[in-house]
């Protein structure tokens, strides 16, 4: 039986269970009794989520950290998306347009290779910048146009 069909079979089992059977399944899955106010629909969804986590893996450590931070009322910052080779970054600075090509081993601007976006930002502005910030890849993009 494949993992997907095992989860589908578990879903079918849960659909046929009454409240007392769902409470027993909950205790087996989560090692405690469910609160009395939980609906049967919610218990089924939580139990199938548990089965999926067991079959396919749970949340990543980064996601767990983000959820814990959010529940504590802290701001959650997402990681910037990886820039894939072939991507072109464009930035206008002091009336001039700069185009950077992302390659497998770094970045290319006007035929010159750079190891980092920060090196390119330094080359363009003459001052130290966060390269991702300069090119607007995070929420605090540079605005010195």
C-alpha atoms as a PDB file:
ATOM      1  CA  UNK A   1       0.000   0.000   0.000  1.00  0.00           C
ATOM      2  CA  UNK A   2       1.413   3.383  -1.005  1.00  0.00           C
ATOM      3  CA  UNK A   3       1.655   6.171   1.521  1.00  0.00           C
ATOM      4  CA  UNK A   4      -1.049   8.147  -0.281  1.00  0.00           C
ATOM      5  CA  UNK A   5      -3.464   5.233  -0.317  1.00  0.00           C
ATOM      6  CA  UNK A   6      -2.726   4.589   3.378  1.00  0.00           C
ATOM      7  CA  UNK A   7      -3.718   8.161   4.202  1.00  0.00           C
ATOM      8  CA  UNK A   8      -6.828   7.856   2.019  1.00  0.00           C
ATOM      9  CA  UNK A   9      -7.750   4.637   3.830  1.00  0.00           C
ATOM     10  CA  UNK A  10      -7.286   6.386   7.176  1.00  0.00           C
ATOM     11  CA  UNK A  11      -9.547   9.206   6.000  1.00  0.00           C
ATOM     12  CA  UNK A  12     -12.242   6.664   5.107  1.00  0.00           C
ATOM     13  CA  UNK A  13     -11.885   5.063   8.562  1.00  0.00           C
ATOM     14  CA  UNK A  14     -12.244   8.430  10.271  1.00  0.00           C
ATOM     15  CA  UNK A  15     -15.336   9.278   8.233  1.00  0.00           C
ATOM     16  CA  UNK A  16     -17.095   6.191   9.642  1.00  0.00           C
ATOM     17  CA  UNK A  17     -16.201   6.881  13.288  1.00  0.00           C
ATOM     18  CA  UNK A  18     -18.650   8.268  15.827  1.00  0.00           C
ATOM     19  CA  UNK A  19     -17.662  10.775  18.549  1.00  0.00           C
ATOM     20  CA  UNK A  20     -16.492   8.167  21.081  1.00  0.00           C
ATOM     21  CA  UNK A  21     -14.364   6.348  18.483  1.00  0.00           C
ATOM     22  CA  UNK A  22     -12.824   9.668  17.406  1.00  0.00           C
ATOM     23  CA  UNK A  23     -11.980  10.458  21.054  1.00  0.00           C
ATOM     24  CA  UNK A  24     -10.224   7.084  21.369  1.00  0.00           C
ATOM     25  CA  UNK A  25      -8.317   7.706  18.114  1.00  0.00           C
ATOM     26  CA  UNK A  26      -7.370  11.180  19.355  1.00  0.00           C
ATOM     27  CA  UNK A  27      -5.981   9.750  22.586  1.00  0.00           C
ATOM     28  CA  UNK A  28      -3.924   7.244  20.612  1.00  0.00           C
ATOM     29  CA  UNK A  29      -2.543   9.894  18.280  1.00  0.00           C
ATOM     30  CA  UNK A  30      -1.898  12.765  20.684  1.00  0.00           C
ATOM     31  CA  UNK A  31      -1.476  10.959  24.056  1.00  0.00           C
ATOM     32  CA  UNK A  32      -4.215  13.003  25.729  1.00  0.00           C
ATOM     33  CA  UNK A  33      -7.965  13.349  25.629  1.00  0.00           C
ATOM     34  CA  UNK A  34      -9.469  15.959  23.325  1.00  0.00           C
ATOM     35  CA  UNK A  35     -11.381  18.880  24.803  1.00  0.00           C
ATOM     36  CA  UNK A  36     -15.113  18.142  25.016  1.00  0.00           C
ATOM     37  CA  UNK A  37     -16.091  21.081  22.834  1.00  0.00           C
ATOM     38  CA  UNK A  38     -14.239  19.884  19.700  1.00  0.00           C
ATOM     39  CA  UNK A  39     -16.470  19.048  16.790  1.00  0.00           C
ATOM     40  CA  UNK A  40     -16.237  15.694  15.083  1.00  0.00           C
ATOM     41  CA  UNK A  41     -15.191  17.440  11.868  1.00  0.00           C
ATOM     42  CA  UNK A  42     -12.287  19.157  13.610  1.00  0.00           C
ATOM     43  CA  UNK A  43     -11.178  15.913  15.261  1.00  0.00           C
ATOM     44  CA  UNK A  44     -11.227  14.130  11.891  1.00  0.00           C
ATOM     45  CA  UNK A  45      -9.170  16.890  10.286  1.00  0.00           C
ATOM     46  CA  UNK A  46      -6.638  16.910  13.125  1.00  0.00           C
ATOM     47  CA  UNK A  47      -6.334  13.127  13.027  1.00  0.00           C
ATOM     48  CA  UNK A  48      -5.834  13.016   9.265  1.00  0.00           C
ATOM     49  CA  UNK A  49      -3.243  15.793   9.569  1.00  0.00           C
ATOM     50  CA  UNK A  50      -1.471  13.655  12.166  1.00  0.00           C
ATOM     51  CA  UNK A  51      -1.551  10.659   9.807  1.00  0.00           C
ATOM     52  CA  UNK A  52      -0.166  12.769   6.948  1.00  0.00           C
ATOM     53  CA  UNK A  53       2.657  14.070   9.126  1.00  0.00           C
ATOM     54  CA  UNK A  54       3.571  10.530  10.103  1.00  0.00           C
ATOM     55  CA  UNK A  55       3.539   9.358   6.472  1.00  0.00           C
ATOM     56  CA  UNK A  56       5.070  12.338   4.699  1.00  0.00           C
ATOM     57  CA  UNK A  57       6.912  14.241   7.439  1.00  0.00           C
ATOM     58  CA  UNK A  58       5.774  17.126   9.593  1.00  0.00           C
ATOM     59  CA  UNK A  59       6.533  20.797   9.570  1.00  0.00           C
ATOM     60  CA  UNK A  60      10.072  21.954   8.891  1.00  0.00           C
ATOM     61  CA  UNK A  61      12.057  23.377  11.815  1.00  0.00           C
ATOM     62  CA  UNK A  62      11.895  26.826  10.164  1.00  0.00           C
ATOM     63  CA  UNK A  63       8.112  26.634   9.938  1.00  0.00           C
ATOM     64  CA  UNK A  64       7.837  25.511  13.580  1.00  0.00           C
ATOM     65  CA  UNK A  65      10.003  28.455  14.636  1.00  0.00           C
ATOM     66  CA  UNK A  66       7.885  30.858  12.602  1.00  0.00           C
ATOM     67  CA  UNK A  67       4.658  29.504  14.082  1.00  0.00           C
ATOM     68  CA  UNK A  68       6.035  29.718  17.621  1.00  0.00           C
ATOM     69  CA  UNK A  69       7.116  33.313  16.989  1.00  0.00           C
ATOM     70  CA  UNK A  70       3.715  34.207  15.564  1.00  0.00           C
ATOM     71  CA  UNK A  71       1.875  32.716  18.533  1.00  0.00           C
ATOM     72  CA  UNK A  72       4.141  34.729  20.844  1.00  0.00           C
ATOM     73  CA  UNK A  73       3.113  37.913  19.006  1.00  0.00           C
ATOM     74  CA  UNK A  74       6.470  38.430  17.337  1.00  0.00           C
ATOM     75  CA  UNK A  75       6.949  39.543  13.749  1.00  0.00           C
ATOM     76  CA  UNK A  76       7.816  36.640  11.509  1.00  0.00           C
ATOM     77  CA  UNK A  77      10.337  37.295   8.776  1.00  0.00           C
ATOM     78  CA  UNK A  78      10.409  34.994   5.816  1.00  0.00           C
ATOM     79  CA  UNK A  79      13.650  34.013   4.187  1.00  0.00           C
ATOM     80  CA  UNK A  80      14.282  35.728   0.896  1.00  0.00           C
ATOM     81  CA  UNK A  81      13.609  33.547  -2.096  1.00  0.00           C
ATOM     82  CA  UNK A  82      16.661  32.005  -3.693  1.00  0.00           C
ATOM     83  CA  UNK A  83      17.697  33.771  -6.873  1.00  0.00           C
ATOM     84  CA  UNK A  84      18.050  31.226  -9.634  1.00  0.00           C
ATOM     85  CA  UNK A  85      20.602  31.386 -12.422  1.00  0.00           C
ATOM     86  CA  UNK A  86      19.145  33.172 -15.421  1.00  0.00           C
ATOM     87  CA  UNK A  87      17.385  35.801 -13.319  1.00  0.00           C
ATOM     88  CA  UNK A  88      18.028  39.414 -14.286  1.00  0.00           C
ATOM     89  CA  UNK A  89      18.051  42.123 -11.639  1.00  0.00           C
ATOM     90  CA  UNK A  90      17.560  45.717 -12.698  1.00  0.00           C
ATOM     91  CA  UNK A  91      18.209  48.795 -10.602  1.00  0.00           C
ATOM     92  CA  UNK A  92      18.228  52.465 -11.462  1.00  0.00           C
ATOM     93  CA  UNK A  93      20.721  54.545  -9.510  1.00  0.00           C
ATOM     94  CA  UNK A  94      21.325  58.275  -9.985  1.00  0.00           C
ATOM     95  CA  UNK A  95      19.581  58.241 -13.369  1.00  0.00           C
ATOM     96  CA  UNK A  96      21.503  55.265 -14.724  1.00  0.00           C
ATOM     97  CA  UNK A  97      20.059  51.789 -15.263  1.00  0.00           C
ATOM     98  CA  UNK A  98      22.065  48.754 -14.118  1.00  0.00           C
ATOM     99  CA  UNK A  99      21.298  45.187 -15.171  1.00  0.00           C
ATOM    100  CA  UNK A 100      22.752  42.187 -13.361  1.00  0.00           C
ATOM    101  CA  UNK A 101      22.560  38.608 -14.633  1.00  0.00           C
ATOM    102  CA  UNK A 102      22.548  35.822 -12.054  1.00  0.00           C
ATOM    103  CA  UNK A 103      24.807  32.913 -13.012  1.00  0.00           C
ATOM    104  CA  UNK A 104      25.676  29.583 -11.411  1.00  0.00           C
ATOM    105  CA  UNK A 105      28.843  30.977  -9.863  1.00  0.00           C
ATOM    106  CA  UNK A 106      27.888  34.570  -9.039  1.00  0.00           C
ATOM    107  CA  UNK A 107      26.679  37.670 -10.830  1.00  0.00           C
ATOM    108  CA  UNK A 108      27.579  39.404 -14.096  1.00  0.00           C
ATOM    109  CA  UNK A 109      27.205  43.115 -14.788  1.00  0.00           C
ATOM    110  CA  UNK A 110      28.532  44.679 -18.000  1.00  0.00           C
ATOM    111  CA  UNK A 111      30.637  41.565 -18.661  1.00  0.00           C
ATOM    112  CA  UNK A 112      32.347  41.793 -15.263  1.00  0.00           C
ATOM    113  CA  UNK A 113      31.903  38.975 -12.734  1.00  0.00           C
ATOM    114  CA  UNK A 114      31.081  39.597  -9.075  1.00  0.00           C
ATOM    115  CA  UNK A 115      30.804  37.140  -6.199  1.00  0.00           C
ATOM    116  CA  UNK A 116      28.005  38.997  -4.382  1.00  0.00           C
ATOM    117  CA  UNK A 117      25.281  41.543  -4.873  1.00  0.00           C
ATOM    118  CA  UNK A 118      26.876  43.627  -2.138  1.00  0.00           C
ATOM    119  CA  UNK A 119      30.056  43.857  -4.219  1.00  0.00           C
ATOM    120  CA  UNK A 120      27.980  45.117  -7.134  1.00  0.00           C
ATOM    121  CA  UNK A 121      26.183  47.650  -4.926  1.00  0.00           C
ATOM    122  CA  UNK A 122      29.579  48.888  -3.697  1.00  0.00           C
ATOM    123  CA  UNK A 123      30.821  49.128  -7.292  1.00  0.00           C
ATOM    124  CA  UNK A 124      27.750  51.147  -8.329  1.00  0.00           C
ATOM    125  CA  UNK A 125      27.441  53.479  -5.327  1.00  0.00           C
ATOM    126  CA  UNK A 126      30.950  53.638  -3.927  1.00  0.00           C
ATOM    127  CA  UNK A 127      29.578  52.890  -0.442  1.00  0.00           C
ATOM    128  CA  UNK A 128      28.754  49.744   1.474  1.00  0.00           C
ATOM    129  CA  UNK A 129      25.227  48.473   0.904  1.00  0.00           C
ATOM    130  CA  UNK A 130      23.411  45.260   1.527  1.00  0.00           C
ATOM    131  CA  UNK A 131      23.226  43.918  -2.022  1.00  0.00           C
ATOM    132  CA  UNK A 132      19.830  42.241  -1.595  1.00  0.00           C
ATOM    133  CA  UNK A 133      18.489  45.455  -0.053  1.00  0.00           C
ATOM    134  CA  UNK A 134      19.977  47.586  -2.826  1.00  0.00           C
ATOM    135  CA  UNK A 135      18.290  45.462  -5.488  1.00  0.00           C
ATOM    136  CA  UNK A 136      14.973  45.382  -3.634  1.00  0.00           C
ATOM    137  CA  UNK A 137      15.026  41.698  -2.729  1.00  0.00           C
ATOM    138  CA  UNK A 138      13.875  42.302   0.824  1.00  0.00           C
ATOM    139  CA  UNK A 139      11.326  44.566   2.452  1.00  0.00           C
ATOM    140  CA  UNK A 140      13.782  47.405   3.138  1.00  0.00           C
ATOM    141  CA  UNK A 141      14.849  48.128  -0.425  1.00  0.00           C
ATOM    142  CA  UNK A 142      17.166  50.992  -1.222  1.00  0.00           C
ATOM    143  CA  UNK A 143      15.460  54.170  -2.339  1.00  0.00           C
ATOM    144  CA  UNK A 144      18.376  56.330  -3.352  1.00  0.00           C
ATOM    145  CA  UNK A 145      17.392  56.751  -6.995  1.00  0.00           C
END
